[in-house]
């Protein structure tokens, strides 16, 4: 397959599609619970397989089922936590927490993939964690880690689990195709979100269905753009471009939802993004391949 002319533009498109997904989910969460939005998102993500039996057959080609299960379960619970955080926190804050996952991906890659973590990574790691502490209020005016609220902890959990999912993806890419990885994520996401979503299920009205379709369509577009472009871009490039999602979500949250951050939170967001970018720049694992 010949490379696209501008692979970074595809990665940027993926990042912006994820931001659209987050904003549509925030709008839908005004009347629907986050767990139900996550469940219906995964349901809509099955659309490519329903439309193309050939893709469904490709998704069934499996060599390491264990890695696919790890990727699916970690990623599915991460999305569930992310959507719950979006429901209860500012969309920019929830997205910032979720997209700090490179911090944890580096740690998990060291533990489970045997990748060396250089001492210089401790500086951006510390900056990112300090920034997250300022944004969530865990640092400042006599606060400590115990001051974190439940939904801030849920948002952080989405980040940690996303880091684990990324590590599982990188391990799975050695033997598995992109569609089998996508399929495991979608099916496992349905399974892990179903118990909460189906308990007291609220049938969406026309407006809510429209928002859910946007969530699902943006998710599929973002995943497919990322999967396609990732064959030709480095982890560094993909990690840097992914921060567009955070910036776009925070800007849209401020403009569309009146989610104004105070000076310490703005400083924390800048520190967190800088720290995550520092981790991405300094830690350069091998480029993914098909």
C-alpha atoms as a PDB file:
ATOM      1  CA  UNK A   1       0.000   0.000   0.000  1.00  0.00           C
ATOM      2  CA  UNK A   2       1.432   3.362  -1.008  1.00  0.00           C
ATOM      3  CA  UNK A   3       1.752   5.968   1.775  1.00  0.00           C
ATOM      4  CA  UNK A   4      -0.634   8.948   1.868  1.00  0.00           C
ATOM      5  CA  UNK A   5       0.748  12.286   0.714  1.00  0.00           C
ATOM      6  CA  UNK A   6       0.206  13.947   4.090  1.00  0.00           C
ATOM      7  CA  UNK A   7       0.009  11.350   6.870  1.00  0.00           C
ATOM      8  CA  UNK A   8       0.297  14.000   9.609  1.00  0.00           C
ATOM      9  CA  UNK A   9      -2.861  15.643   8.264  1.00  0.00           C
ATOM     10  CA  UNK A  10      -4.650  12.323   8.816  1.00  0.00           C
ATOM     11  CA  UNK A  11      -3.375  12.190  12.407  1.00  0.00           C
ATOM     12  CA  UNK A  12      -4.541  15.769  12.963  1.00  0.00           C
ATOM     13  CA  UNK A  13      -7.929  14.823  11.503  1.00  0.00           C
ATOM     14  CA  UNK A  14      -8.092  11.898  13.917  1.00  0.00           C
ATOM     15  CA  UNK A  15      -7.308  14.163  16.879  1.00  0.00           C
ATOM     16  CA  UNK A  16      -9.985  16.666  15.885  1.00  0.00           C
ATOM     17  CA  UNK A  17     -12.515  13.857  15.335  1.00  0.00           C
ATOM     18  CA  UNK A  18     -11.847  12.663  18.882  1.00  0.00           C
ATOM     19  CA  UNK A  19     -12.487  16.230  20.094  1.00  0.00           C
ATOM     20  CA  UNK A  20     -15.810  16.302  18.219  1.00  0.00           C
ATOM     21  CA  UNK A  21     -16.681  12.980  19.865  1.00  0.00           C
ATOM     22  CA  UNK A  22     -15.946  14.406  23.319  1.00  0.00           C
ATOM     23  CA  UNK A  23     -18.054  17.525  22.711  1.00  0.00           C
ATOM     24  CA  UNK A  24     -21.005  15.541  21.371  1.00  0.00           C
ATOM     25  CA  UNK A  25     -20.730  13.220  24.376  1.00  0.00           C
ATOM     26  CA  UNK A  26     -20.766  16.237  26.715  1.00  0.00           C
ATOM     27  CA  UNK A  27     -23.942  17.544  25.086  1.00  0.00           C
ATOM     28  CA  UNK A  28     -25.583  14.115  25.266  1.00  0.00           C
ATOM     29  CA  UNK A  29     -24.575  13.699  28.927  1.00  0.00           C
ATOM     30  CA  UNK A  30     -26.913  16.546  29.899  1.00  0.00           C
ATOM     31  CA  UNK A  31     -29.793  14.073  29.645  1.00  0.00           C
ATOM     32  CA  UNK A  32     -28.155  10.633  29.290  1.00  0.00           C
ATOM     33  CA  UNK A  33     -25.743   8.889  31.685  1.00  0.00           C
ATOM     34  CA  UNK A  34     -22.126   8.571  30.588  1.00  0.00           C
ATOM     35  CA  UNK A  35     -22.111   4.778  30.826  1.00  0.00           C
ATOM     36  CA  UNK A  36     -25.017   4.553  28.369  1.00  0.00           C
ATOM     37  CA  UNK A  37     -23.277   6.933  25.948  1.00  0.00           C
ATOM     38  CA  UNK A  38     -20.154   4.746  26.098  1.00  0.00           C
ATOM     39  CA  UNK A  39     -22.200   1.583  25.449  1.00  0.00           C
ATOM     40  CA  UNK A  40     -24.017   3.084  22.459  1.00  0.00           C
ATOM     41  CA  UNK A  41     -20.735   4.443  21.127  1.00  0.00           C
ATOM     42  CA  UNK A  42     -19.300   0.930  21.039  1.00  0.00           C
ATOM     43  CA  UNK A  43     -22.506  -0.365  19.470  1.00  0.00           C
ATOM     44  CA  UNK A  44     -22.257   2.214  16.676  1.00  0.00           C
ATOM     45  CA  UNK A  45     -18.587   1.346  16.196  1.00  0.00           C
ATOM     46  CA  UNK A  46     -19.717  -2.070  14.931  1.00  0.00           C
ATOM     47  CA  UNK A  47     -21.071  -0.339  11.797  1.00  0.00           C
ATOM     48  CA  UNK A  48     -17.988  -1.059   9.601  1.00  0.00           C
ATOM     49  CA  UNK A  49     -18.379  -4.792  10.260  1.00  0.00           C
ATOM     50  CA  UNK A  50     -22.121  -4.699   9.563  1.00  0.00           C
ATOM     51  CA  UNK A  51     -21.507  -2.869   6.285  1.00  0.00           C
ATOM     52  CA  UNK A  52     -18.569  -5.019   5.150  1.00  0.00           C
ATOM     53  CA  UNK A  53     -18.507  -8.779   5.909  1.00  0.00           C
ATOM     54  CA  UNK A  54     -14.943  -8.827   4.530  1.00  0.00           C
ATOM     55  CA  UNK A  55     -13.808  -6.531   7.351  1.00  0.00           C
ATOM     56  CA  UNK A  56     -15.602  -8.728   9.873  1.00  0.00           C
ATOM     57  CA  UNK A  57     -13.704 -11.751   8.557  1.00  0.00           C
ATOM     58  CA  UNK A  58     -10.418  -9.864   8.846  1.00  0.00           C
ATOM     59  CA  UNK A  59     -11.249  -9.021  12.457  1.00  0.00           C
ATOM     60  CA  UNK A  60     -11.617 -12.744  13.200  1.00  0.00           C
ATOM     61  CA  UNK A  61      -8.040 -13.519  12.108  1.00  0.00           C
ATOM     62  CA  UNK A  62      -6.375 -13.893  15.501  1.00  0.00           C
ATOM     63  CA  UNK A  63      -3.016 -15.216  16.640  1.00  0.00           C
ATOM     64  CA  UNK A  64      -2.701 -13.884  20.204  1.00  0.00           C
ATOM     65  CA  UNK A  65      -6.174 -13.767  21.727  1.00  0.00           C
ATOM     66  CA  UNK A  66      -4.765 -12.851  25.135  1.00  0.00           C
ATOM     67  CA  UNK A  67      -3.234  -9.597  23.829  1.00  0.00           C
ATOM     68  CA  UNK A  68      -6.463  -8.674  22.077  1.00  0.00           C
ATOM     69  CA  UNK A  69      -8.427  -9.271  25.270  1.00  0.00           C
ATOM     70  CA  UNK A  70      -6.000  -7.085  27.227  1.00  0.00           C
ATOM     71  CA  UNK A  71      -6.320  -4.341  24.636  1.00  0.00           C
ATOM     72  CA  UNK A  72     -10.100  -4.630  24.531  1.00  0.00           C
ATOM     73  CA  UNK A  73     -10.752  -4.773  28.262  1.00  0.00           C
ATOM     74  CA  UNK A  74      -8.278  -2.040  29.242  1.00  0.00           C
ATOM     75  CA  UNK A  75      -9.414   0.187  26.387  1.00  0.00           C
ATOM     76  CA  UNK A  76     -13.108  -0.496  26.993  1.00  0.00           C
ATOM     77  CA  UNK A  77     -12.949   0.341  30.701  1.00  0.00           C
ATOM     78  CA  UNK A  78     -10.817   3.410  29.887  1.00  0.00           C
ATOM     79  CA  UNK A  79     -13.505   4.739  27.522  1.00  0.00           C
ATOM     80  CA  UNK A  80     -16.227   3.988  30.073  1.00  0.00           C
ATOM     81  CA  UNK A  81     -14.313   5.960  32.723  1.00  0.00           C
ATOM     82  CA  UNK A  82     -13.654   8.769  30.233  1.00  0.00           C
ATOM     83  CA  UNK A  83     -17.327   9.163  29.372  1.00  0.00           C
ATOM     84  CA  UNK A  84     -18.305   9.092  33.038  1.00  0.00           C
ATOM     85  CA  UNK A  85     -15.713  11.822  33.666  1.00  0.00           C
ATOM     86  CA  UNK A  86     -17.092  13.858  30.746  1.00  0.00           C
ATOM     87  CA  UNK A  87     -20.560  13.611  32.312  1.00  0.00           C
ATOM     88  CA  UNK A  88     -19.423  14.996  35.672  1.00  0.00           C
ATOM     89  CA  UNK A  89     -16.407  17.209  34.869  1.00  0.00           C
ATOM     90  CA  UNK A  90     -15.624  19.950  32.385  1.00  0.00           C
ATOM     91  CA  UNK A  91     -15.038  18.325  29.009  1.00  0.00           C
ATOM     92  CA  UNK A  92     -11.599  19.937  28.756  1.00  0.00           C
ATOM     93  CA  UNK A  93     -10.564  18.642  32.175  1.00  0.00           C
ATOM     94  CA  UNK A  94     -11.823  15.118  31.457  1.00  0.00           C
ATOM     95  CA  UNK A  95      -9.982  15.099  28.116  1.00  0.00           C
ATOM     96  CA  UNK A  96      -6.785  16.450  29.652  1.00  0.00           C
ATOM     97  CA  UNK A  97      -6.846  13.683  32.262  1.00  0.00           C
ATOM     98  CA  UNK A  98      -7.550  10.994  29.672  1.00  0.00           C
ATOM     99  CA  UNK A  99      -4.835  12.208  27.302  1.00  0.00           C
ATOM    100  CA  UNK A 100      -2.135  12.053  29.954  1.00  0.00           C
ATOM    101  CA  UNK A 101      -1.999   8.344  29.072  1.00  0.00           C
ATOM    102  CA  UNK A 102       1.535   8.543  27.527  1.00  0.00           C
ATOM    103  CA  UNK A 103       2.835   8.917  31.087  1.00  0.00           C
ATOM    104  CA  UNK A 104       1.436   5.543  32.047  1.00  0.00           C
ATOM    105  CA  UNK A 105       2.187   3.943  28.675  1.00  0.00           C
ATOM    106  CA  UNK A 106       5.898   4.597  29.260  1.00  0.00           C
ATOM    107  CA  UNK A 107       5.717   2.973  32.694  1.00  0.00           C
ATOM    108  CA  UNK A 108       3.788  -0.063  31.428  1.00  0.00           C
ATOM    109  CA  UNK A 109       6.129  -0.451  28.435  1.00  0.00           C
ATOM    110  CA  UNK A 110       9.037  -0.564  30.864  1.00  0.00           C
ATOM    111  CA  UNK A 111       7.338  -3.164  33.052  1.00  0.00           C
ATOM    112  CA  UNK A 112       5.864  -5.434  30.393  1.00  0.00           C
ATOM    113  CA  UNK A 113       7.733  -4.778  27.123  1.00  0.00           C
ATOM    114  CA  UNK A 114      11.172  -4.426  28.658  1.00  0.00           C
ATOM    115  CA  UNK A 115      11.757  -0.917  27.288  1.00  0.00           C
ATOM    116  CA  UNK A 116      14.387   1.140  29.061  1.00  0.00           C
ATOM    117  CA  UNK A 117      13.158   4.295  30.777  1.00  0.00           C
ATOM    118  CA  UNK A 118      15.852   6.939  30.900  1.00  0.00           C
ATOM    119  CA  UNK A 119      16.297   9.105  33.978  1.00  0.00           C
ATOM    120  CA  UNK A 120      15.696  12.250  31.919  1.00  0.00           C
ATOM    121  CA  UNK A 121      12.046  11.187  31.545  1.00  0.00           C
ATOM    122  CA  UNK A 122      11.491  11.872  35.238  1.00  0.00           C
ATOM    123  CA  UNK A 123      11.469  15.634  34.589  1.00  0.00           C
ATOM    124  CA  UNK A 124       8.549  15.729  32.099  1.00  0.00           C
ATOM    125  CA  UNK A 125       6.774  13.012  34.068  1.00  0.00           C
ATOM    126  CA  UNK A 126       6.968  15.181  37.174  1.00  0.00           C
ATOM    127  CA  UNK A 127       5.826  18.269  35.262  1.00  0.00           C
ATOM    128  CA  UNK A 128       2.834  16.421  33.825  1.00  0.00           C
ATOM    129  CA  UNK A 129       1.762  15.042  37.202  1.00  0.00           C
ATOM    130  CA  UNK A 130       2.167  18.455  38.846  1.00  0.00           C
ATOM    131  CA  UNK A 131       0.070  20.015  36.084  1.00  0.00           C
ATOM    132  CA  UNK A 132      -2.666  17.442  36.527  1.00  0.00           C
ATOM    133  CA  UNK A 133      -2.584  18.129  40.260  1.00  0.00           C
ATOM    134  CA  UNK A 134      -3.163  21.839  39.666  1.00  0.00           C
ATOM    135  CA  UNK A 135      -6.004  21.241  37.202  1.00  0.00           C
ATOM    136  CA  UNK A 136      -7.840  18.816  39.489  1.00  0.00           C
ATOM    137  CA  UNK A 137      -7.199  20.801  42.667  1.00  0.00           C
ATOM    138  CA  UNK A 138      -5.088  18.096  44.274  1.00  0.00           C
ATOM    139  CA  UNK A 139      -2.275  20.666  44.547  1.00  0.00           C
ATOM    140  CA  UNK A 140      -2.867  24.122  45.950  1.00  0.00           C
ATOM    141  CA  UNK A 141      -4.289  25.904  48.994  1.00  0.00           C
ATOM    142  CA  UNK A 142      -3.445  23.199  51.510  1.00  0.00           C
ATOM    143  CA  UNK A 143      -4.592  20.361  49.283  1.00  0.00           C
ATOM    144  CA  UNK A 144      -3.143  16.909  48.812  1.00  0.00           C
ATOM    145  CA  UNK A 145      -3.843  13.806  46.807  1.00  0.00           C
ATOM    146  CA  UNK A 146      -6.712  12.932  49.164  1.00  0.00           C
ATOM    147  CA  UNK A 147      -8.550  16.070  48.004  1.00  0.00           C
ATOM    148  CA  UNK A 148      -9.178  14.512  44.604  1.00  0.00           C
ATOM    149  CA  UNK A 149     -12.874  14.030  43.993  1.00  0.00           C
ATOM    150  CA  UNK A 150     -14.438  10.798  42.799  1.00  0.00           C
ATOM    151  CA  UNK A 151     -14.804  11.921  39.194  1.00  0.00           C
ATOM    152  CA  UNK A 152     -11.272  13.299  39.004  1.00  0.00           C
ATOM    153  CA  UNK A 153     -10.107   9.857  40.137  1.00  0.00           C
ATOM    154  CA  UNK A 154     -12.316   8.258  37.482  1.00  0.00           C
ATOM    155  CA  UNK A 155     -10.722  10.548  34.882  1.00  0.00           C
ATOM    156  CA  UNK A 156      -7.255   9.570  36.070  1.00  0.00           C
ATOM    157  CA  UNK A 157      -8.275   5.907  35.928  1.00  0.00           C
ATOM    158  CA  UNK A 158      -9.221   6.397  32.267  1.00  0.00           C
ATOM    159  CA  UNK A 159      -5.698   7.696  31.659  1.00  0.00           C
ATOM    160  CA  UNK A 160      -3.959   4.813  33.436  1.00  0.00           C
ATOM    161  CA  UNK A 161      -6.095   2.231  31.648  1.00  0.00           C
ATOM    162  CA  UNK A 162      -5.546   3.972  28.298  1.00  0.00           C
ATOM    163  CA  UNK A 163      -1.811   3.689  28.921  1.00  0.00           C
ATOM    164  CA  UNK A 164      -2.228  -0.030  29.569  1.00  0.00           C
ATOM    165  CA  UNK A 165      -4.326  -0.358  26.400  1.00  0.00           C
ATOM    166  CA  UNK A 166      -1.668   1.425  24.310  1.00  0.00           C
ATOM    167  CA  UNK A 167       0.961  -0.967  25.658  1.00  0.00           C
ATOM    168  CA  UNK A 168      -1.268  -3.920  24.770  1.00  0.00           C
ATOM    169  CA  UNK A 169      -1.769  -2.489  21.261  1.00  0.00           C
ATOM    170  CA  UNK A 170       1.963  -2.197  20.716  1.00  0.00           C
ATOM    171  CA  UNK A 171       2.455  -5.787  21.826  1.00  0.00           C
ATOM    172  CA  UNK A 172      -0.470  -6.994  19.710  1.00  0.00           C
ATOM    173  CA  UNK A 173       0.730  -5.172  16.567  1.00  0.00           C
ATOM    174  CA  UNK A 174       3.621  -7.634  16.389  1.00  0.00           C
ATOM    175  CA  UNK A 175       1.220 -10.404  15.412  1.00  0.00           C
ATOM    176  CA  UNK A 176      -2.304  -8.976  14.918  1.00  0.00           C
ATOM    177  CA  UNK A 177      -3.904  -6.924  12.168  1.00  0.00           C
ATOM    178  CA  UNK A 178      -5.430  -3.500  12.754  1.00  0.00           C
ATOM    179  CA  UNK A 179      -9.009  -4.731  12.218  1.00  0.00           C
ATOM    180  CA  UNK A 180      -8.690  -7.522  14.785  1.00  0.00           C
ATOM    181  CA  UNK A 181      -7.408  -4.939  17.290  1.00  0.00           C
ATOM    182  CA  UNK A 182     -10.258  -2.569  16.417  1.00  0.00           C
ATOM    183  CA  UNK A 183     -12.764  -5.421  16.736  1.00  0.00           C
ATOM    184  CA  UNK A 184     -11.486  -6.561  20.131  1.00  0.00           C
ATOM    185  CA  UNK A 185     -11.716  -2.995  21.417  1.00  0.00           C
ATOM    186  CA  UNK A 186     -15.281  -2.618  20.194  1.00  0.00           C
ATOM    187  CA  UNK A 187     -16.609  -5.970  21.413  1.00  0.00           C
ATOM    188  CA  UNK A 188     -14.870  -5.817  24.800  1.00  0.00           C
ATOM    189  CA  UNK A 189     -16.027  -2.224  25.215  1.00  0.00           C
ATOM    190  CA  UNK A 190     -19.623  -3.347  24.692  1.00  0.00           C
ATOM    191  CA  UNK A 191     -19.229  -6.112  27.263  1.00  0.00           C
ATOM    192  CA  UNK A 192     -17.623  -4.000  30.002  1.00  0.00           C
ATOM    193  CA  UNK A 193     -20.030  -1.058  29.598  1.00  0.00           C
ATOM    194  CA  UNK A 194     -23.211  -3.153  29.298  1.00  0.00           C
ATOM    195  CA  UNK A 195     -23.857  -3.868  33.025  1.00  0.00           C
ATOM    196  CA  UNK A 196     -24.012  -0.177  33.975  1.00  0.00           C
ATOM    197  CA  UNK A 197     -25.617   1.029  30.735  1.00  0.00           C
ATOM    198  CA  UNK A 198     -28.434  -1.528  30.612  1.00  0.00           C
ATOM    199  CA  UNK A 199     -29.404  -1.061  34.265  1.00  0.00           C
ATOM    200  CA  UNK A 200     -32.205   1.492  34.027  1.00  0.00           C
ATOM    201  CA  UNK A 201     -31.605   2.118  30.317  1.00  0.00           C
ATOM    202  CA  UNK A 202     -33.081   5.417  29.063  1.00  0.00           C
ATOM    203  CA  UNK A 203     -34.338   5.315  25.485  1.00  0.00           C
ATOM    204  CA  UNK A 204     -32.852   8.345  23.646  1.00  0.00           C
ATOM    205  CA  UNK A 205     -35.117  10.859  21.935  1.00  0.00           C
ATOM    206  CA  UNK A 206     -34.440  12.214  18.432  1.00  0.00           C
ATOM    207  CA  UNK A 207     -32.015  14.902  19.631  1.00  0.00           C
ATOM    208  CA  UNK A 208     -30.088  12.453  21.773  1.00  0.00           C
ATOM    209  CA  UNK A 209     -29.886   9.921  18.932  1.00  0.00           C
ATOM    210  CA  UNK A 210     -28.482  12.628  16.669  1.00  0.00           C
ATOM    211  CA  UNK A 211     -25.760  13.399  19.225  1.00  0.00           C
ATOM    212  CA  UNK A 212     -25.050   9.694  19.721  1.00  0.00           C
ATOM    213  CA  UNK A 213     -24.675   9.228  15.967  1.00  0.00           C
ATOM    214  CA  UNK A 214     -22.135  12.061  15.985  1.00  0.00           C
ATOM    215  CA  UNK A 215     -20.304  10.360  18.884  1.00  0.00           C
ATOM    216  CA  UNK A 216     -20.262   7.044  17.024  1.00  0.00           C
ATOM    217  CA  UNK A 217     -19.364   8.482  13.603  1.00  0.00           C
ATOM    218  CA  UNK A 218     -16.586  10.651  15.046  1.00  0.00           C
ATOM    219  CA  UNK A 219     -15.243   7.648  16.984  1.00  0.00           C
ATOM    220  CA  UNK A 220     -15.149   5.452  13.885  1.00  0.00           C
ATOM    221  CA  UNK A 221     -13.576   8.209  11.757  1.00  0.00           C
ATOM    222  CA  UNK A 222     -10.964   8.963  14.414  1.00  0.00           C
ATOM    223  CA  UNK A 223     -10.066   5.301  14.937  1.00  0.00           C
ATOM    224  CA  UNK A 224      -9.809   4.556  11.212  1.00  0.00           C
ATOM    225  CA  UNK A 225      -7.760   7.678  10.451  1.00  0.00           C
ATOM    226  CA  UNK A 226      -5.421   6.894  13.323  1.00  0.00           C
ATOM    227  CA  UNK A 227      -5.087   3.212  12.363  1.00  0.00           C
ATOM    228  CA  UNK A 228      -4.391   4.057   8.712  1.00  0.00           C
ATOM    229  CA  UNK A 229      -1.952   6.910   9.328  1.00  0.00           C
ATOM    230  CA  UNK A 230      -0.073   5.134  12.127  1.00  0.00           C
ATOM    231  CA  UNK A 231       1.644   2.928   9.562  1.00  0.00           C
ATOM    232  CA  UNK A 232       3.617   5.935   8.304  1.00  0.00           C
ATOM    233  CA  UNK A 233       4.052   8.219  11.303  1.00  0.00           C
ATOM    234  CA  UNK A 234       6.245   7.776  14.329  1.00  0.00           C
ATOM    235  CA  UNK A 235       4.986   7.430  17.886  1.00  0.00           C
ATOM    236  CA  UNK A 236       6.520  10.867  18.510  1.00  0.00           C
ATOM    237  CA  UNK A 237       4.505  12.488  15.728  1.00  0.00           C
ATOM    238  CA  UNK A 238       1.292  10.719  16.717  1.00  0.00           C
ATOM    239  CA  UNK A 239       1.728  11.610  20.398  1.00  0.00           C
ATOM    240  CA  UNK A 240       2.354  15.275  19.694  1.00  0.00           C
ATOM    241  CA  UNK A 241      -0.583  15.565  17.303  1.00  0.00           C
ATOM    242  CA  UNK A 242      -2.892  13.816  19.778  1.00  0.00           C
ATOM    243  CA  UNK A 243      -2.603  16.808  22.100  1.00  0.00           C
ATOM    244  CA  UNK A 244      -4.703  18.709  19.564  1.00  0.00           C
ATOM    245  CA  UNK A 245      -7.651  16.835  21.038  1.00  0.00           C
ATOM    246  CA  UNK A 246      -6.930  18.302  24.475  1.00  0.00           C
ATOM    247  CA  UNK A 247      -6.484  21.855  23.197  1.00  0.00           C
ATOM    248  CA  UNK A 248      -9.581  21.691  20.985  1.00  0.00           C
ATOM    249  CA  UNK A 249     -11.711  20.203  23.781  1.00  0.00           C
ATOM    250  CA  UNK A 250     -10.609  22.825  26.306  1.00  0.00           C
ATOM    251  CA  UNK A 251     -11.202  25.666  23.849  1.00  0.00           C
ATOM    252  CA  UNK A 252     -14.631  24.359  22.851  1.00  0.00           C
ATOM    253  CA  UNK A 253     -15.545  23.754  26.490  1.00  0.00           C
ATOM    254  CA  UNK A 254     -14.695  27.358  27.336  1.00  0.00           C
ATOM    255  CA  UNK A 255     -16.538  28.799  24.325  1.00  0.00           C
ATOM    256  CA  UNK A 256     -19.515  26.455  24.148  1.00  0.00           C
ATOM    257  CA  UNK A 257     -20.109  25.414  27.759  1.00  0.00           C
ATOM    258  CA  UNK A 258     -18.672  28.338  29.701  1.00  0.00           C
ATOM    259  CA  UNK A 259     -16.070  26.080  31.315  1.00  0.00           C
ATOM    260  CA  UNK A 260     -13.656  28.757  32.460  1.00  0.00           C
ATOM    261  CA  UNK A 261     -10.416  27.654  34.096  1.00  0.00           C
ATOM    262  CA  UNK A 262      -8.799  29.708  36.832  1.00  0.00           C
ATOM    263  CA  UNK A 263      -5.182  30.925  36.572  1.00  0.00           C
ATOM    264  CA  UNK A 264      -3.783  27.945  38.497  1.00  0.00           C
ATOM    265  CA  UNK A 265      -5.798  25.501  36.385  1.00  0.00           C
ATOM    266  CA  UNK A 266      -4.632  27.136  33.144  1.00  0.00           C
ATOM    267  CA  UNK A 267      -1.052  26.948  34.381  1.00  0.00           C
ATOM    268  CA  UNK A 268      -1.633  23.319  35.318  1.00  0.00           C
ATOM    269  CA  UNK A 269      -3.073  22.494  31.908  1.00  0.00           C
ATOM    270  CA  UNK A 270      -0.050  24.078  30.215  1.00  0.00           C
ATOM    271  CA  UNK A 271       2.310  22.152  32.509  1.00  0.00           C
ATOM    272  CA  UNK A 272       0.473  18.881  31.928  1.00  0.00           C
ATOM    273  CA  UNK A 273       0.486  19.251  28.132  1.00  0.00           C
ATOM    274  CA  UNK A 274       4.152  20.281  28.170  1.00  0.00           C
ATOM    275  CA  UNK A 275       5.016  17.330  30.394  1.00  0.00           C
ATOM    276  CA  UNK A 276       3.147  14.842  28.205  1.00  0.00           C
ATOM    277  CA  UNK A 277       4.809  16.272  25.097  1.00  0.00           C
ATOM    278  CA  UNK A 278       8.162  15.979  26.854  1.00  0.00           C
ATOM    279  CA  UNK A 279       7.514  12.312  27.587  1.00  0.00           C
ATOM    280  CA  UNK A 280       6.514  11.708  23.974  1.00  0.00           C
ATOM    281  CA  UNK A 281       9.587  13.535  22.626  1.00  0.00           C
ATOM    282  CA  UNK A 282      12.114  11.842  24.906  1.00  0.00           C
ATOM    283  CA  UNK A 283      10.658   8.336  24.786  1.00  0.00           C
ATOM    284  CA  UNK A 284      10.799   6.993  21.237  1.00  0.00           C
ATOM    285  CA  UNK A 285       9.692   3.391  20.887  1.00  0.00           C
ATOM    286  CA  UNK A 286       9.793   1.737  17.463  1.00  0.00           C
ATOM    287  CA  UNK A 287       7.274   2.866  14.858  1.00  0.00           C
ATOM    288  CA  UNK A 288       4.212   0.716  14.510  1.00  0.00           C
ATOM    289  CA  UNK A 289       3.902  -1.498  11.441  1.00  0.00           C
ATOM    290  CA  UNK A 290       1.018  -3.312   9.815  1.00  0.00           C
END
